[in-house]
C-alpha atoms as a PDB file:
ATOM      1  CA  MET A   1     -21.393  -9.064   0.877  1.00  0.00           C
ATOM      2  CA  GLU A   2     -24.228  -8.075   3.981  1.00  0.00           C
ATOM      3  CA  ARG A   3     -23.231 -11.514   5.638  1.00  0.00           C
ATOM      4  CA  LEU A   4     -19.652 -10.404   5.702  1.00  0.00           C
ATOM      5  CA  GLN A   5     -20.049  -7.417   6.814  1.00  0.00           C
ATOM      6  CA  GLU A   6     -22.656  -8.057   9.750  1.00  0.00           C
ATOM      7  CA  ALA A   7     -20.012 -10.989  10.774  1.00  0.00           C
ATOM      8  CA  LEU A   8     -16.992  -8.693  10.758  1.00  0.00           C
ATOM      9  CA  SER A   9     -19.392  -6.225  12.835  1.00  0.00           C
ATOM     10  CA  ARG A  10     -19.668  -8.694  15.056  1.00  0.00           C
ATOM     11  CA  ALA A  11     -16.116  -9.511  15.835  1.00  0.00           C
ATOM     12  CA  ARG A  12     -15.170  -6.007  16.064  1.00  0.00           C
ATOM     13  CA  GLU A  13     -17.994  -5.811  18.928  1.00  0.00           C
ATOM     14  CA  ARG A  14     -16.529  -8.782  20.684  1.00  0.00           C
ATOM     15  CA  ARG A  15     -13.077  -7.376  20.554  1.00  0.00           C
ATOM     16  CA  GLY A  16     -14.127  -4.286  21.938  1.00  0.00           C
ATOM     17  CA  GLN A  17     -16.118  -6.065  24.748  1.00  0.00           C
ATOM     18  CA  THR A  18     -12.873  -7.861  25.669  1.00  0.00           C
ATOM     19  CA  GLY A  19     -10.972  -4.815  26.038  1.00  0.00           C
ATOM     20  CA  GLY A  20      -9.254  -4.599  22.554  1.00  0.00           C
ATOM     21  CA  THR A  21      -8.060  -1.549  21.578  1.00  0.00           C
ATOM     22  CA  THR A  22      -6.536   0.176  18.471  1.00  0.00           C
ATOM     23  CA  PRO A  23      -3.722   1.815  19.658  1.00  0.00           C
ATOM     24  CA  PRO A  24      -3.368   5.974  18.291  1.00  0.00           C
ATOM     25  CA  ALA A  25      -1.610   6.231  14.887  1.00  0.00           C
ATOM     26  CA  SER A  26       2.186   7.047  15.187  1.00  0.00           C
ATOM     27  CA  PRO A  27       3.419  10.466  14.459  1.00  0.00           C
ATOM     28  CA  THR A  28       3.455  11.825  10.977  1.00  0.00           C
ATOM     29  CA  LEU A  29       4.977  14.620   9.393  1.00  0.00           C
ATOM     30  CA  THR A  30       3.576  16.860   7.120  1.00  0.00           C
ATOM     31  CA  ARG A  31       5.638  18.434   3.875  1.00  0.00           C
ATOM     32  CA  ASN A  32       7.888  21.101   4.648  1.00  0.00           C
ATOM     33  CA  LYS A  33       8.253  19.951   8.540  1.00  0.00           C
ATOM     34  CA  MET A  34       9.842  16.369   7.607  1.00  0.00           C
ATOM     35  CA  ALA A  35      13.485  18.234   6.624  1.00  0.00           C
ATOM     36  CA  SER A  36      15.042  21.462   5.384  1.00  0.00           C
ATOM     37  CA  ARG A  37      14.666  20.891   2.103  1.00  0.00           C
ATOM     38  CA  SER A  38      13.167  23.305  -0.248  1.00  0.00           C
ATOM     39  CA  GLU A  39      10.258  22.487  -2.742  1.00  0.00           C
ATOM     40  CA  GLY A  40      12.525  23.309  -5.689  1.00  0.00           C
ATOM     41  CA  SER A  41      15.100  20.749  -4.395  1.00  0.00           C
ATOM     42  CA  THR A  42      12.510  18.381  -3.835  1.00  0.00           C
ATOM     43  CA  ASN A  43      11.128  18.546  -7.593  1.00  0.00           C
ATOM     44  CA  GLU A  44      14.843  18.125  -8.405  1.00  0.00           C
ATOM     45  CA  ALA A  45      15.505  14.754  -6.923  1.00  0.00           C
ATOM     46  CA  TRP A  46      11.724  13.825  -8.574  1.00  0.00           C
ATOM     47  CA  GLN A  47      13.012  15.111 -11.820  1.00  0.00           C
ATOM     48  CA  ALA A  48      16.049  13.105 -11.424  1.00  0.00           C
ATOM     49  CA  LEU A  49      14.201   9.799 -11.128  1.00  0.00           C
ATOM     50  CA  ARG A  50      14.840   7.475 -14.166  1.00  0.00           C
ATOM     51  CA  SER A  51      11.060   7.569 -15.652  1.00  0.00           C
ATOM     52  CA  PHE A  52       8.944   4.437 -16.256  1.00  0.00           C
ATOM     53  CA  GLU A  53       6.313   4.159 -19.284  1.00  0.00           C
ATOM     54  CA  PRO A  54       4.066   1.203 -18.357  1.00  0.00           C
ATOM     55  CA  ASN A  55       3.040  -1.411 -21.023  1.00  0.00           C
ATOM     56  CA  GLU A  56      -0.470  -0.989 -21.572  1.00  0.00           C
ATOM     57  CA  ARG A  57      -0.982  -4.335 -22.891  1.00  0.00           C
ATOM     58  CA  ILE A  58       0.738  -5.931 -19.325  1.00  0.00           C
ATOM     59  CA  LEU A  59      -1.401  -3.551 -16.935  1.00  0.00           C
ATOM     60  CA  ARG A  60      -5.170  -4.550 -19.142  1.00  0.00           C
ATOM     61  CA  ALA A  61      -3.602  -8.033 -19.027  1.00  0.00           C
ATOM     62  CA  ASN A  62      -3.090  -7.793 -15.155  1.00  0.00           C
ATOM     63  CA  ARG A  63      -6.585  -5.873 -14.493  1.00  0.00           C
ATOM     64  CA  VAL A  64      -4.661  -2.386 -13.092  1.00  0.00           C
ATOM     65  CA  VAL A  65      -7.496  -0.660 -14.928  1.00  0.00           C
ATOM     66  CA  SER A  66      -7.364   2.831 -12.984  1.00  0.00           C
ATOM     67  CA  TYR A  67      -4.107   4.095 -15.221  1.00  0.00           C
ATOM     68  CA  PHE A  68      -6.871   4.078 -18.002  1.00  0.00           C
ATOM     69  CA  GLY A  69      -9.399   6.257 -16.134  1.00  0.00           C
ATOM     70  CA  GLY A  70     -13.079   6.295 -16.738  1.00  0.00           C
ATOM     71  CA  ASN A  71     -15.947   3.650 -15.485  1.00  0.00           C
ATOM     72  CA  ASP A  72     -13.776   0.688 -14.654  1.00  0.00           C
ATOM     73  CA  ALA A  73     -11.263   3.137 -12.130  1.00  0.00           C
ATOM     74  CA  GLY A  74     -14.081   4.247 -10.426  1.00  0.00           C
ATOM     75  CA  PRO A  75     -13.963   1.816  -7.491  1.00  0.00           C
ATOM     76  CA  PHE A  76     -10.295   3.002  -7.352  1.00  0.00           C
ATOM     77  CA  ASP A  77     -11.294   6.526  -7.272  1.00  0.00           C
ATOM     78  CA  MET A  78     -13.705   5.852  -4.479  1.00  0.00           C
ATOM     79  CA  MET A  79     -11.344   4.068  -2.357  1.00  0.00           C
ATOM     80  CA  ARG A  80      -8.591   6.613  -3.186  1.00  0.00           C
ATOM     81  CA  THR A  81     -11.229   9.198  -1.827  1.00  0.00           C
ATOM     82  CA  LYS A  82     -11.845   7.729   1.326  1.00  0.00           C
ATOM     83  CA  ILE A  83      -7.946   6.788   1.782  1.00  0.00           C
ATOM     84  CA  LEU A  84      -7.513  10.493   1.215  1.00  0.00           C
ATOM     85  CA  GLN A  85      -9.711  12.030   3.853  1.00  0.00           C
ATOM     86  CA  GLN A  86      -9.079   9.891   6.506  1.00  0.00           C
ATOM     87  CA  ALA A  87      -5.526  10.343   5.900  1.00  0.00           C
ATOM     88  CA  LYS A  88      -6.168  14.146   6.153  1.00  0.00           C
ATOM     89  CA  ALA A  89      -8.466  13.839   9.115  1.00  0.00           C
ATOM     90  CA  ASN A  90      -5.628  11.869  10.970  1.00  0.00           C
ATOM     91  CA  ASN A  91      -2.495  13.099   9.266  1.00  0.00           C
ATOM     92  CA  TRP A  92      -1.625   9.657   8.133  1.00  0.00           C
ATOM     93  CA  ARG A  93       0.891   9.231   5.448  1.00  0.00           C
ATOM     94  CA  ARG A  94       2.300   5.846   5.284  1.00  0.00           C
ATOM     95  CA  ILE A  95      -0.560   3.249   4.208  1.00  0.00           C
ATOM     96  CA  VAL A  96      -0.050  -0.226   4.181  1.00  0.00           C
ATOM     97  CA  VAL A  97      -1.657  -3.050   1.891  1.00  0.00           C
ATOM     98  CA  THR A  98      -1.792  -6.725   3.216  1.00  0.00           C
ATOM     99  CA  SER A  99      -4.124  -9.680   3.007  1.00  0.00           C
ATOM    100  CA  PRO A 100      -4.888 -12.260   5.096  1.00  0.00           C
ATOM    101  CA  THR A 101      -3.143 -15.002   2.996  1.00  0.00           C
ATOM    102  CA  ALA A 102      -1.675 -15.150  -0.649  1.00  0.00           C
ATOM    103  CA  GLN A 103      -3.768 -14.930  -4.096  1.00  0.00           C
ATOM    104  CA  CYS A 104      -6.198 -12.402  -2.537  1.00  0.00           C
ATOM    105  CA  GLY A 105      -4.728  -9.400  -5.172  1.00  0.00           C
ATOM    106  CA  LYS A 106      -3.217  -7.031  -2.555  1.00  0.00           C
ATOM    107  CA  THR A 107      -0.538  -6.322  -5.177  1.00  0.00           C
ATOM    108  CA  THR A 108      -3.350  -5.118  -7.731  1.00  0.00           C
ATOM    109  CA  ILE A 109      -5.206  -3.377  -5.544  1.00  0.00           C
ATOM    110  CA  ALA A 110      -1.937  -1.232  -4.668  1.00  0.00           C
ATOM    111  CA  ALA A 111      -1.099  -0.617  -8.519  1.00  0.00           C
ATOM    112  CA  ASN A 112      -4.579   0.384  -9.136  1.00  0.00           C
ATOM    113  CA  LEU A 113      -4.965   2.841  -5.875  1.00  0.00           C
ATOM    114  CA  ALA A 114      -1.317   4.075  -7.168  1.00  0.00           C
ATOM    115  CA  PHE A 115      -2.525   5.365 -10.515  1.00  0.00           C
ATOM    116  CA  SER A 116      -5.770   6.485  -9.102  1.00  0.00           C
ATOM    117  CA  LEU A 117      -3.871   8.761  -6.896  1.00  0.00           C
ATOM    118  CA  ALA A 118      -1.471   9.477  -9.489  1.00  0.00           C
ATOM    119  CA  ARG A 119      -4.150  11.547 -11.359  1.00  0.00           C
ATOM    120  CA  GLN A 120      -4.456  13.909  -8.414  1.00  0.00           C
ATOM    121  CA  ALA A 121      -1.858  16.072  -9.859  1.00  0.00           C
ATOM    122  CA  GLU A 122      -1.511  17.930  -6.354  1.00  0.00           C
ATOM    123  CA  LEU A 123      -0.335  14.938  -4.900  1.00  0.00           C
ATOM    124  CA  ARG A 124       3.026  12.966  -4.648  1.00  0.00           C
ATOM    125  CA  THR A 125       2.737   8.956  -4.090  1.00  0.00           C
ATOM    126  CA  LEU A 126       5.501   6.887  -3.383  1.00  0.00           C
ATOM    127  CA  VAL A 127       4.472   2.868  -3.782  1.00  0.00           C
ATOM    128  CA  ILE A 128       7.287   0.776  -1.522  1.00  0.00           C
ATOM    129  CA  GLU A 129       7.482  -3.355  -2.343  1.00  0.00           C
ATOM    130  CA  VAL A 130       8.199  -4.370   1.165  1.00  0.00           C
ATOM    131  CA  ASP A 131       6.570  -7.821   0.439  1.00  0.00           C
ATOM    132  CA  MET A 132      10.214  -9.371  -0.206  1.00  0.00           C
ATOM    133  CA  ARG A 133       9.577 -13.124  -0.362  1.00  0.00           C
ATOM    134  CA  ARG A 134       7.165 -13.429  -3.217  1.00  0.00           C
ATOM    135  CA  PRO A 135       7.673  -9.688  -5.029  1.00  0.00           C
ATOM    136  CA  GLU A 136       5.212  -9.201  -7.583  1.00  0.00           C
ATOM    137  CA  LEU A 137       4.709  -5.401  -8.078  1.00  0.00           C
ATOM    138  CA  ALA A 138       7.701  -4.626 -11.012  1.00  0.00           C
ATOM    139  CA  ASN A 139       5.486  -7.792 -13.185  1.00  0.00           C
ATOM    140  CA  THR A 140       2.514  -6.456 -12.085  1.00  0.00           C
ATOM    141  CA  ILE A 141       2.917  -2.681 -13.641  1.00  0.00           C
ATOM    142  CA  GLY A 142       5.501  -4.099 -16.344  1.00  0.00           C
ATOM    143  CA  LEU A 143       8.505  -2.781 -14.961  1.00  0.00           C
ATOM    144  CA  THR A 144      11.115  -4.802 -16.792  1.00  0.00           C
ATOM    145  CA  GLU A 145      14.011  -2.788 -15.657  1.00  0.00           C
ATOM    146  CA  LYS A 146      16.047  -4.710 -12.540  1.00  0.00           C
ATOM    147  CA  MET A 147      15.359  -3.255  -9.209  1.00  0.00           C
ATOM    148  CA  ALA A 148      16.631  -4.229  -5.615  1.00  0.00           C
ATOM    149  CA  PHE A 149      14.808  -1.951  -3.427  1.00  0.00           C
ATOM    150  CA  ALA A 150      15.903  -4.323  -0.394  1.00  0.00           C
ATOM    151  CA  ARG A 151      19.722  -2.766  -1.200  1.00  0.00           C
ATOM    152  CA  VAL A 152      18.478   0.459  -0.316  1.00  0.00           C
ATOM    153  CA  LEU A 153      16.771  -0.253   2.645  1.00  0.00           C
ATOM    154  CA  ASN A 154      19.879  -2.397   4.166  1.00  0.00           C
ATOM    155  CA  GLY A 155      22.126   0.846   3.075  1.00  0.00           C
ATOM    156  CA  GLN A 156      24.115  -0.821  -0.019  1.00  0.00           C
ATOM    157  CA  ASP A 157      22.907   1.553  -2.732  1.00  0.00           C
ATOM    158  CA  GLU A 158      21.170   4.920  -2.765  1.00  0.00           C
ATOM    159  CA  PRO A 159      17.145   5.189  -3.365  1.00  0.00           C
ATOM    160  CA  ALA A 160      17.664   6.519  -6.472  1.00  0.00           C
ATOM    161  CA  GLN A 161      19.179   3.381  -8.086  1.00  0.00           C
ATOM    162  CA  HIS A 162      15.940   1.504  -7.121  1.00  0.00           C
ATOM    163  CA  ILE A 163      13.329   4.005  -7.420  1.00  0.00           C
ATOM    164  CA  VAL A 164      11.553   5.020 -11.221  1.00  0.00           C
ATOM    165  CA  SER A 165       9.274   7.479 -11.578  1.00  0.00           C
ATOM    166  CA  TYR A 166       5.694   7.528 -13.549  1.00  0.00           C
ATOM    167  CA  GLY A 167       5.124  11.018 -14.181  1.00  0.00           C
ATOM    168  CA  PRO A 168       5.584  13.856 -12.084  1.00  0.00           C
ATOM    169  CA  ASN A 169       4.081  12.653  -9.005  1.00  0.00           C
ATOM    170  CA  LEU A 170       4.151   8.698  -8.697  1.00  0.00           C
ATOM    171  CA  ALA A 171       7.093   6.661  -7.995  1.00  0.00           C
ATOM    172  CA  PHE A 172       7.730   2.813  -7.647  1.00  0.00           C
ATOM    173  CA  GLY A 173      10.706   1.096  -5.600  1.00  0.00           C
ATOM    174  CA  THR A 174      10.402  -2.667  -6.098  1.00  0.00           C
ATOM    175  CA  ASN A 175      12.387  -5.851  -5.959  1.00  0.00           C
ATOM    176  CA  SER A 176      12.891  -8.032  -8.862  1.00  0.00           C
ATOM    177  CA  SER A 177      13.743 -10.897  -7.109  1.00  0.00           C
ATOM    178  CA  PRO A 178      13.196 -12.554  -3.482  1.00  0.00           C
ATOM    179  CA  VAL A 179      15.137 -11.295  -0.274  1.00  0.00           C
ATOM    180  CA  SER A 180      16.872 -13.440   2.066  1.00  0.00           C
ATOM    181  CA  ASN A 181      15.920 -12.650   5.930  1.00  0.00           C
ATOM    182  CA  SER A 182      13.416 -10.153   5.051  1.00  0.00           C
ATOM    183  CA  SER A 183      11.618 -10.488   8.213  1.00  0.00           C
ATOM    184  CA  GLU A 184      14.635  -9.089   9.847  1.00  0.00           C
ATOM    185  CA  LEU A 185      15.402  -6.153   7.670  1.00  0.00           C
ATOM    186  CA  LEU A 186      11.883  -4.846   7.804  1.00  0.00           C
ATOM    187  CA  GLN A 187      11.883  -4.822  11.320  1.00  0.00           C
ATOM    188  CA  SER A 188      15.258  -3.407  11.341  1.00  0.00           C
ATOM    189  CA  SER A 189      15.635   0.370  12.715  1.00  0.00           C
ATOM    190  CA  ALA A 190      18.049   0.738  10.133  1.00  0.00           C
ATOM    191  CA  ALA A 191      15.575   0.331   7.411  1.00  0.00           C
ATOM    192  CA  HIS A 192      13.221   2.358   8.950  1.00  0.00           C
ATOM    193  CA  ASP A 193      15.646   5.394   9.220  1.00  0.00           C
ATOM    194  CA  ARG A 194      16.379   4.869   5.848  1.00  0.00           C
ATOM    195  CA  LEU A 195      12.680   5.399   5.050  1.00  0.00           C
ATOM    196  CA  LYS A 196      12.118   8.282   6.851  1.00  0.00           C
ATOM    197  CA  GLU A 197      15.332   9.660   5.103  1.00  0.00           C
ATOM    198  CA  ILE A 198      13.367   8.815   1.236  1.00  0.00           C
ATOM    199  CA  GLU A 199      10.352  10.605   2.944  1.00  0.00           C
ATOM    200  CA  ALA A 200      12.885  13.515   3.585  1.00  0.00           C
ATOM    201  CA  ILE A 201      14.129  13.300   0.008  1.00  0.00           C
ATOM    202  CA  TYR A 202      10.899  12.836  -2.119  1.00  0.00           C
ATOM    203  CA  ALA A 203       8.453  14.856   0.194  1.00  0.00           C
ATOM    204  CA  PRO A 204       5.543  12.151  -0.758  1.00  0.00           C
ATOM    205  CA  ASP A 205       2.073  12.962   0.450  1.00  0.00           C
ATOM    206  CA  ILE A 206       1.155   9.241   0.956  1.00  0.00           C
ATOM    207  CA  VAL A 207       3.413   6.378   1.020  1.00  0.00           C
ATOM    208  CA  ILE A 208       1.826   3.134   0.036  1.00  0.00           C
ATOM    209  CA  PHE A 209       3.302  -0.357   0.954  1.00  0.00           C
ATOM    210  CA  ASP A 210       2.658  -3.339  -0.669  1.00  0.00           C
ATOM    211  CA  ALA A 211       3.258  -5.369   2.091  1.00  0.00           C
ATOM    212  CA  PRO A 212       3.291  -9.629   2.638  1.00  0.00           C
ATOM    213  CA  PRO A 213      -0.149 -11.592   3.737  1.00  0.00           C
ATOM    214  CA  MET A 214      -0.400 -11.279   7.579  1.00  0.00           C
ATOM    215  CA  LEU A 215      -1.055 -14.962   8.172  1.00  0.00           C
ATOM    216  CA  GLY A 216       2.182 -16.394   6.326  1.00  0.00           C
ATOM    217  CA  SER A 217       4.855 -15.050   7.884  1.00  0.00           C
ATOM    218  CA  ASP A 218       6.083 -12.261  10.687  1.00  0.00           C
ATOM    219  CA  ASP A 219       7.196  -9.978   7.802  1.00  0.00           C
ATOM    220  CA  THR A 220       4.168  -7.722   7.772  1.00  0.00           C
ATOM    221  CA  HIS A 221       3.959  -7.978  11.894  1.00  0.00           C
ATOM    222  CA  GLY A 222       7.205  -6.406  12.422  1.00  0.00           C
ATOM    223  CA  PHE A 223       6.752  -3.486  10.256  1.00  0.00           C
ATOM    224  CA  LEU A 224       2.906  -1.994  10.879  1.00  0.00           C
ATOM    225  CA  GLY A 225       4.393  -0.386  13.899  1.00  0.00           C
ATOM    226  CA  PHE A 226       6.177   1.840  11.133  1.00  0.00           C
ATOM    227  CA  ALA A 227       2.649   2.190   9.346  1.00  0.00           C
ATOM    228  CA  ASP A 228       0.148   5.009  10.201  1.00  0.00           C
ATOM    229  CA  ALA A 229      -2.505   2.615   9.100  1.00  0.00           C
ATOM    230  CA  ALA A 230      -3.660  -0.647   6.852  1.00  0.00           C
ATOM    231  CA  ILE A 231      -5.963  -2.137   4.387  1.00  0.00           C
ATOM    232  CA  LEU A 232      -6.713  -5.619   4.345  1.00  0.00           C
ATOM    233  CA  VAL A 233      -7.453  -7.216   1.109  1.00  0.00           C
ATOM    234  CA  ALA A 234      -9.472 -10.429   0.984  1.00  0.00           C
ATOM    235  CA  ALA A 235     -10.663 -12.419  -1.753  1.00  0.00           C
ATOM    236  CA  ALA A 236     -14.590 -13.166  -2.210  1.00  0.00           C
ATOM    237  CA  GLU A 237     -15.134 -17.059  -2.207  1.00  0.00           C
ATOM    238  CA  MET A 238     -11.579 -17.826  -0.788  1.00  0.00           C
ATOM    239  CA  THR A 239     -10.854 -16.189   2.271  1.00  0.00           C
ATOM    240  CA  THR A 240     -12.269 -16.884   5.510  1.00  0.00           C
ATOM    241  CA  ILE A 241     -14.170 -14.622   7.572  1.00  0.00           C
ATOM    242  CA  SER A 242     -12.115 -16.343  10.280  1.00  0.00           C
ATOM    243  CA  GLU A 243      -8.899 -15.426   8.357  1.00  0.00           C
ATOM    244  CA  ILE A 244     -10.211 -11.754   7.724  1.00  0.00           C
ATOM    245  CA  ASP A 245     -11.218 -11.543  11.648  1.00  0.00           C
ATOM    246  CA  VAL A 246      -7.784 -12.575  12.599  1.00  0.00           C
ATOM    247  CA  ALA A 247      -5.883 -10.772  10.179  1.00  0.00           C
ATOM    248  CA  GLU A 248      -7.909  -7.730  11.207  1.00  0.00           C
ATOM    249  CA  SER A 249      -7.435  -8.113  15.099  1.00  0.00           C
ATOM    250  CA  GLU A 250      -3.840  -8.317  14.430  1.00  0.00           C
ATOM    251  CA  ILE A 251      -3.629  -5.355  12.536  1.00  0.00           C
ATOM    252  CA  ALA A 252      -5.668  -3.503  15.191  1.00  0.00           C
ATOM    253  CA  SER A 253      -2.939  -4.231  17.820  1.00  0.00           C
ATOM    254  CA  MET A 254      -0.410  -2.327  15.962  1.00  0.00           C
ATOM    255  CA  THR A 255      -1.664   0.736  13.907  1.00  0.00           C
ATOM    256  CA  GLN A 256      -4.806   1.135  12.834  1.00  0.00           C
ATOM    257  CA  VAL A 257      -7.247  -0.511  10.293  1.00  0.00           C
ATOM    258  CA  MET A 258      -8.096   2.049   8.028  1.00  0.00           C
ATOM    259  CA  GLY A 259     -10.643  -0.385   5.706  1.00  0.00           C
ATOM    260  CA  VAL A 260     -11.142  -3.546   4.407  1.00  0.00           C
ATOM    261  CA  VAL A 261     -11.331  -4.599   0.366  1.00  0.00           C
ATOM    262  CA  MET A 262     -13.231  -7.297  -0.716  1.00  0.00           C
ATOM    263  CA  ASN A 263     -11.598  -8.483  -4.221  1.00  0.00           C
ATOM    264  CA  LYS A 264     -12.830 -10.419  -6.745  1.00  0.00           C
ATOM    265  CA  CYS A 265     -16.400 -10.309  -6.270  1.00  0.00           C
ATOM    266  CA  ARG A 266     -18.508 -11.506  -8.999  1.00  0.00           C
ATOM    267  CA  LEU A 267     -21.772  -9.990  -8.276  1.00  0.00           C
ATOM    268  CA  THR A 268     -22.298  -6.412  -7.041  1.00  0.00           C
ATOM    269  CA  GLY A 269     -25.342  -4.282  -6.814  1.00  0.00           C
ATOM    270  CA  SER A 270     -26.476  -2.990 -10.379  1.00  0.00           C
ATOM    271  CA  SER A 271     -25.860   0.752  -9.334  1.00  0.00           C
ATOM    272  CA  TYR A 272     -22.243   0.155  -9.051  1.00  0.00           C
ATOM    273  CA  GLY A 273     -20.580  -2.127 -12.188  1.00  0.00           C
ATOM    274  CA  TYR A 274     -17.386  -2.859 -10.913  1.00  0.00           C
ATOM    275  CA  ASN A 275     -16.036  -6.078  -9.113  1.00  0.00           C
ATOM    276  CA  TYR A 276     -14.708  -4.496  -5.758  1.00  0.00           C
ATOM    277  CA  SER A 277     -15.794  -3.221  -2.389  1.00  0.00           C
ATOM    278  CA  TYR A 278     -14.563  -1.148   0.072  1.00  0.00           C
ATOM    279  CA  SER A 279     -16.497  -1.767   3.747  1.00  0.00           C
END
């Protein structure tokens, strides 16, 4: 882990020496400045969503441990706190979760982060799946209802038709099957406008976007400009330092890099007792 962090630090220094800079975050809007909706109407919009009760057996099988709280949720609670601190300090709300390549566990990380945030009762969290080539979020959280959030983005359906809520402050917008022309959809101004409308209706404090891998297609590249920051998920003993460096550099050219999560670690410090690292 130390060698990885040292290598990433050297790569970041090289980018800085060659003039690479991270662009300023896109401006975000705070609750009650997004639209003229009252808090009462926002609450009504959340209450009108169809409720979703996760299947605990499926969550355990998919390692969505933050749903249950306790020691196993510790790394995600720590990640949650760091994210909220950075978001507050920089007025960020839209957070992309991506990875260099497939099979790094980004969707599992996003789901765990979502349930950890849900335990902050004063916060509203909206999780949107924009990985439309290989959607896995519904399967990961055990949502069996057929959903097609892409139809919301292209203007065919209303948001409430493809968003479900867990409790009073967490909601998911997912896709049950792959979507054609996903890159064009994610880059379209119409899709971005729809997302802004959704933010105006539900006034989320944090929006997590489960996005495709960076190095597999141009889907995420075309979407990052809409986000305030991104988290990069890498897999221990699978993702190379070069892949992390390339993905991180590409993210930094389009939005803020919030951090790198090393997933699937088998060995960690004895004082922690969990299998994830945040740097």
